[in-house]
């Protein structure tokens, strides 16, 4: 019949749809993995630069220590002692920078792993759905050998499929495709915040916000601090402070201790508490 021939030419079987989803997953996987070595290489290069500075500082400390031990003049000995102290402070700052870079590399790898796990779960969920095949009109672009043309070809096919899907269908087959620019943008958003990712419930929590480790973090120099590590944004930091740093809890800073999520109601509650304390006096 003419109607059957027309439907057969336009329809895609569930197997073809699954293959398209699998191709999309592989391309997203390659996008994620290919950019990871470059990002890690930048951090490794910074680690080498910081380590070179650290070695120079340690050499200066050793020279100042040797002169301090061999010098009999108290004024000169005091100057050398000050130089040693400054060198130790500088070496501690460089060590903290190295720890931050290593932590950022660990977060980067974990975020990419979560992203790939989520993509795989979405792919498996798409295979388990029992939706009827969609009526689509796939295009036939020219064959090319490079990777960019292959991705563009898949993207054009999925755009044609989305246009031809009937509006009364409640749950169309999910087809994931991101252009490279969009993938980069979403990857940056995932690295800056863990809210969009599936977070492991067993992963340790830090900071006043009681969230997992992400972005830039700073450690409290109080050895008895219960939290230890804090996000820059939650404690109002933009750059790493020089010298020792103590968290709002250890400083007794109650305004910052509640974290960035404080609202007007809590502010009014603090005002009432102050009035009560004034009346008790």
Protein backbone atom coordinates (compact mmCIF):
# COMPACT_ATOMS: atom_id res chain seq x y z
CA UNK A 1 0.00 0.00 0.00
CA UNK A 2 1.16 3.57 -0.61
CA UNK A 3 0.59 4.55 3.02
CA UNK A 4 2.75 1.73 4.36
CA UNK A 5 5.56 2.52 1.95
CA UNK A 6 5.55 6.20 3.00
CA UNK A 7 5.57 5.34 6.72
CA UNK A 8 8.35 2.81 6.26
CA UNK A 9 10.57 5.35 4.54
CA UNK A 10 10.04 7.96 7.23
CA UNK A 11 10.07 5.86 10.40
CA UNK A 12 13.08 4.84 12.45
CA UNK A 13 13.16 1.58 14.35
CA UNK A 14 14.01 1.54 18.08
CA UNK A 15 17.33 -0.08 17.20
CA UNK A 16 18.31 2.88 15.01
CA UNK A 17 17.27 5.32 17.75
CA UNK A 18 19.40 3.41 20.28
CA UNK A 19 22.35 3.52 17.90
CA UNK A 20 21.98 7.30 17.50
CA UNK A 21 21.89 7.71 21.28
CA UNK A 22 24.98 5.51 21.62
CA UNK A 23 26.84 7.58 19.01
CA UNK A 24 25.90 10.76 20.88
CA UNK A 25 27.17 9.29 24.16
CA UNK A 26 30.49 8.28 22.59
CA UNK A 27 30.99 11.75 21.10
CA UNK A 28 30.21 13.45 24.43
CA UNK A 29 32.58 11.00 26.13
CA UNK A 30 35.37 11.90 23.71
CA UNK A 31 34.74 15.63 24.20
CA UNK A 32 35.03 15.20 27.97
CA UNK A 33 38.14 13.01 27.88
CA UNK A 34 40.03 14.93 25.19
CA UNK A 35 39.99 18.22 27.12
CA UNK A 36 40.97 16.64 30.46
CA UNK A 37 44.72 16.14 29.72
CA UNK A 38 45.08 19.79 28.66
CA UNK A 39 43.44 21.04 31.86
CA UNK A 40 45.57 18.74 34.00
CA UNK A 41 48.73 19.72 32.10
CA UNK A 42 48.17 23.39 32.95
CA UNK A 43 47.92 22.56 36.65
CA UNK A 44 51.00 20.33 36.48
CA UNK A 45 52.97 23.16 34.84
CA UNK A 46 51.92 25.51 37.63
CA UNK A 47 52.99 22.91 40.19
CA UNK A 48 56.45 22.77 38.62
CA UNK A 49 56.78 26.56 38.68
CA UNK A 50 55.74 26.72 42.34
CA UNK A 51 58.12 23.89 43.21
CA UNK A 52 61.01 25.76 41.54
CA UNK A 53 60.22 28.84 43.66
CA UNK A 54 60.02 26.62 46.74
CA UNK A 55 63.48 25.17 46.08
CA UNK A 56 64.95 28.68 45.74
CA UNK A 57 63.40 29.75 49.05
CA UNK A 58 64.74 26.66 50.81
CA UNK A 59 68.21 27.36 49.43
CA UNK A 60 68.07 30.93 50.79
CA UNK A 61 66.95 29.61 54.17
CA UNK A 62 69.91 27.21 54.31
CA UNK A 63 72.36 29.99 53.44
CA UNK A 64 70.89 32.33 56.06
CA UNK A 65 71.00 29.54 58.65
CA UNK A 66 74.67 28.84 57.94
CA UNK A 67 75.59 32.53 58.27
CA UNK A 68 73.50 32.80 61.42
CA UNK A 69 75.41 29.95 63.07
CA UNK A 70 78.83 31.28 62.02
CA UNK A 71 78.16 34.94 62.87
CA UNK A 72 79.13 36.36 66.27
CA UNK A 73 77.71 39.87 65.86
CA UNK A 74 74.24 39.91 67.54
CA UNK A 75 72.86 42.51 65.10
CA UNK A 76 73.83 40.44 62.06
CA UNK A 77 72.52 37.28 63.74
CA UNK A 78 69.17 38.98 64.32
CA UNK A 79 68.95 40.02 60.65
CA UNK A 80 69.68 36.50 59.53
CA UNK A 81 67.07 35.15 61.92
CA UNK A 82 64.45 37.50 60.43
CA UNK A 83 65.42 36.33 56.94
CA UNK A 84 64.97 32.73 58.02
CA UNK A 85 61.53 33.49 59.45
CA UNK A 86 60.43 35.23 56.26
CA UNK A 87 61.70 32.34 54.17
CA UNK A 88 59.72 29.86 56.26
CA UNK A 89 56.53 31.90 55.86
CA UNK A 90 57.10 32.06 52.10
CA UNK A 91 57.71 28.32 51.89
CA UNK A 92 54.46 27.67 53.77
CA UNK A 93 52.52 29.88 51.33
CA UNK A 94 54.02 28.05 48.35
CA UNK A 95 53.13 24.72 49.94
CA UNK A 96 49.53 25.88 50.40
CA UNK A 97 49.36 26.86 46.72
CA UNK A 98 50.57 23.42 45.70
CA UNK A 99 47.90 21.79 47.88
CA UNK A 100 45.21 23.95 46.28
CA UNK A 101 46.33 22.96 42.79
CA UNK A 102 46.34 19.27 43.69
CA UNK A 103 42.86 19.62 45.22
CA UNK A 104 41.63 21.35 42.06
CA UNK A 105 43.00 18.51 39.92
CA UNK A 106 41.24 15.92 42.08
CA UNK A 107 37.95 17.85 41.85
CA UNK A 108 38.36 18.15 38.09
CA UNK A 109 38.75 14.39 37.63
CA UNK A 110 35.87 13.62 40.00
CA UNK A 111 33.55 16.06 38.22
CA UNK A 112 34.35 14.53 34.83
CA UNK A 113 33.72 11.05 36.26
CA UNK A 114 30.34 12.14 37.64
CA UNK A 115 29.44 13.67 34.28
CA UNK A 116 30.25 10.46 32.42
CA UNK A 117 28.29 8.38 34.95
CA UNK A 118 25.27 10.64 34.54
CA UNK A 119 25.47 10.41 30.73
CA UNK A 120 25.65 6.63 30.95
CA UNK A 121 22.62 6.48 33.24
CA UNK A 122 20.67 8.65 30.80
CA UNK A 123 21.69 6.35 27.95
CA UNK A 124 20.58 3.25 29.87
CA UNK A 125 17.30 4.92 30.84
CA UNK A 126 16.61 5.72 27.18
CA UNK A 127 17.03 2.04 26.27
CA UNK A 128 14.51 0.93 28.91
CA UNK A 129 11.65 3.19 27.71
CA UNK A 130 8.87 1.67 25.60
CA UNK A 131 8.04 4.65 23.38
CA UNK A 132 6.78 4.07 19.83
CA UNK A 133 9.17 4.92 17.00
CA UNK A 134 9.06 8.55 15.95
CA UNK A 135 8.18 9.74 12.44
CA UNK A 136 11.24 11.63 11.30
CA UNK A 137 12.95 12.73 8.12
CA UNK A 138 16.68 12.13 8.51
CA UNK A 139 18.91 14.16 6.26
CA UNK A 140 21.75 12.68 4.23
CA UNK A 141 24.73 15.04 4.50
CA UNK A 142 27.89 14.28 2.49
CA UNK A 143 30.41 11.88 3.97
CA UNK A 144 33.53 13.36 5.51
CA UNK A 145 36.42 11.82 7.38
CA UNK A 146 37.18 14.43 10.04
CA UNK A 147 35.63 14.28 13.50
CA UNK A 148 34.04 17.74 13.38
CA UNK A 149 31.95 16.86 10.27
CA UNK A 150 30.76 13.66 11.92
CA UNK A 151 29.51 15.55 14.96
CA UNK A 152 27.84 18.21 12.80
CA UNK A 153 26.11 15.49 10.79
CA UNK A 154 24.64 13.86 13.90
CA UNK A 155 23.56 17.26 15.21
CA UNK A 156 21.66 18.06 11.96
CA UNK A 157 19.90 14.70 12.09
CA UNK A 158 18.68 15.28 15.62
CA UNK A 159 17.46 18.80 14.76
CA UNK A 160 15.35 17.33 11.92
CA UNK A 161 13.97 14.70 14.29
CA UNK A 162 12.92 17.29 16.87
CA UNK A 163 11.06 19.34 14.23
CA UNK A 164 9.04 16.34 12.95
CA UNK A 165 8.03 14.88 16.34
CA UNK A 166 4.20 15.28 16.83
CA UNK A 167 3.19 17.73 19.56
CA UNK A 168 0.61 15.34 21.11
CA UNK A 169 3.27 12.78 22.03
CA UNK A 170 3.73 13.06 25.83
CA UNK A 171 7.20 11.56 26.13
CA UNK A 172 9.38 11.63 23.00
CA UNK A 173 12.52 9.58 22.86
CA UNK A 174 15.31 11.49 24.55
CA UNK A 175 18.12 12.43 22.19
CA UNK A 176 21.13 14.10 23.78
CA UNK A 177 23.41 16.21 21.70
CA UNK A 178 25.48 19.20 22.63
CA UNK A 179 27.62 21.29 20.37
CA UNK A 180 31.20 21.67 21.48
CA UNK A 181 30.69 25.25 22.65
CA UNK A 182 27.63 24.31 24.68
CA UNK A 183 29.43 21.31 26.14
CA UNK A 184 32.32 23.52 27.23
CA UNK A 185 29.91 25.96 28.91
CA UNK A 186 28.05 23.23 30.77
CA UNK A 187 31.33 21.63 31.78
CA UNK A 188 32.54 24.91 33.32
CA UNK A 189 29.26 25.28 35.22
CA UNK A 190 29.59 21.76 36.58
CA UNK A 191 33.15 22.40 37.73
CA UNK A 192 32.22 25.62 39.54
CA UNK A 193 29.32 24.13 41.53
CA UNK A 194 28.37 20.57 42.56
CA UNK A 195 24.62 21.31 42.59
CA UNK A 196 24.04 20.03 39.01
CA UNK A 197 25.84 16.74 39.53
CA UNK A 198 24.89 13.52 41.22
CA UNK A 199 26.82 13.83 44.50
CA UNK A 200 27.99 10.69 46.27
CA UNK A 201 26.24 10.63 49.70
CA UNK A 202 29.37 9.10 51.23
CA UNK A 203 31.60 11.99 50.09
CA UNK A 204 32.80 14.10 53.07
CA UNK A 205 31.21 17.51 53.65
CA UNK A 206 33.06 20.72 54.47
CA UNK A 207 32.54 24.44 55.07
CA UNK A 208 29.71 26.37 56.75
CA UNK A 209 27.38 25.33 53.90
CA UNK A 210 27.95 21.60 54.66
CA UNK A 211 28.67 20.81 51.01
CA UNK A 212 31.28 18.68 49.25
CA UNK A 213 34.65 19.98 48.13
CA UNK A 214 34.59 22.11 44.94
CA UNK A 215 36.31 25.21 43.56
CA UNK A 216 38.90 27.06 45.65
CA UNK A 217 39.03 26.19 49.34
CA UNK A 218 41.06 27.40 52.31
CA UNK A 219 42.02 25.54 55.47
CA UNK A 220 41.68 26.92 59.00
CA UNK A 221 45.03 27.15 60.83
CA UNK A 222 43.37 26.19 64.11
CA UNK A 223 44.35 22.55 64.70
CA UNK A 224 41.19 21.96 66.76
CA UNK A 225 38.82 23.35 64.10
CA UNK A 226 35.93 20.92 63.54
CA UNK A 227 35.29 21.86 59.89
CA UNK A 228 38.91 22.49 58.72
CA UNK A 229 38.17 23.42 55.08
CA UNK A 230 35.99 26.24 53.70
CA UNK A 231 34.90 27.48 50.26
CA UNK A 232 36.19 30.93 49.31
CA UNK A 233 32.67 32.26 48.55
CA UNK A 234 31.20 31.05 51.85
CA UNK A 235 33.77 32.94 53.95
CA UNK A 236 33.91 36.06 51.74
CA UNK A 237 37.36 35.46 50.22
CA UNK A 238 38.44 36.21 46.66
CA UNK A 239 42.19 35.59 47.04
CA UNK A 240 44.23 33.54 49.48
CA UNK A 241 45.20 35.70 52.48
CA UNK A 242 48.84 35.96 53.49
CA UNK A 243 49.93 34.35 56.72
CA UNK A 244 47.63 32.32 58.95
CA UNK A 245 43.88 32.33 58.49
CA UNK A 246 41.16 31.32 60.96
CA UNK A 247 37.56 30.49 60.13
CA UNK A 248 34.59 32.54 61.41
CA UNK A 249 33.83 29.91 64.08
CA UNK A 250 37.36 29.99 65.48
CA UNK A 251 37.42 33.82 65.29
CA UNK A 252 34.03 34.06 66.96
CA UNK A 253 32.57 35.96 63.97
CA UNK A 254 28.89 35.10 64.39
CA UNK A 255 27.72 37.13 61.37
CA UNK A 256 29.81 35.08 58.95
CA UNK A 257 29.47 31.84 60.90
CA UNK A 258 25.93 31.27 59.65
CA UNK A 259 27.22 31.25 56.07
CA UNK A 260 26.08 33.11 52.94
CA UNK A 261 22.49 31.82 53.17
CA UNK A 262 21.41 34.20 55.97
CA UNK A 263 18.08 35.98 55.34
CA UNK A 264 16.07 38.84 56.78
CA UNK A 265 14.19 36.60 59.20
CA UNK A 266 17.38 35.47 60.88
CA UNK A 267 18.50 39.11 61.02
CA UNK A 268 15.31 40.07 62.79
CA UNK A 269 15.76 37.17 65.18
CA UNK A 270 19.23 38.44 66.08
CA UNK A 271 17.76 41.89 66.76
CA UNK A 272 15.15 40.40 69.11
CA UNK A 273 17.85 38.46 70.91
CA UNK A 274 19.87 41.65 71.40
CA UNK A 275 16.78 43.41 72.82
CA UNK A 276 16.19 40.52 75.23
CA UNK A 277 19.79 40.63 76.41
CA UNK A 278 19.47 44.41 76.89
CA UNK A 279 16.35 43.93 79.01
CA UNK A 280 18.02 41.29 81.16
CA UNK A 281 20.78 43.72 81.96
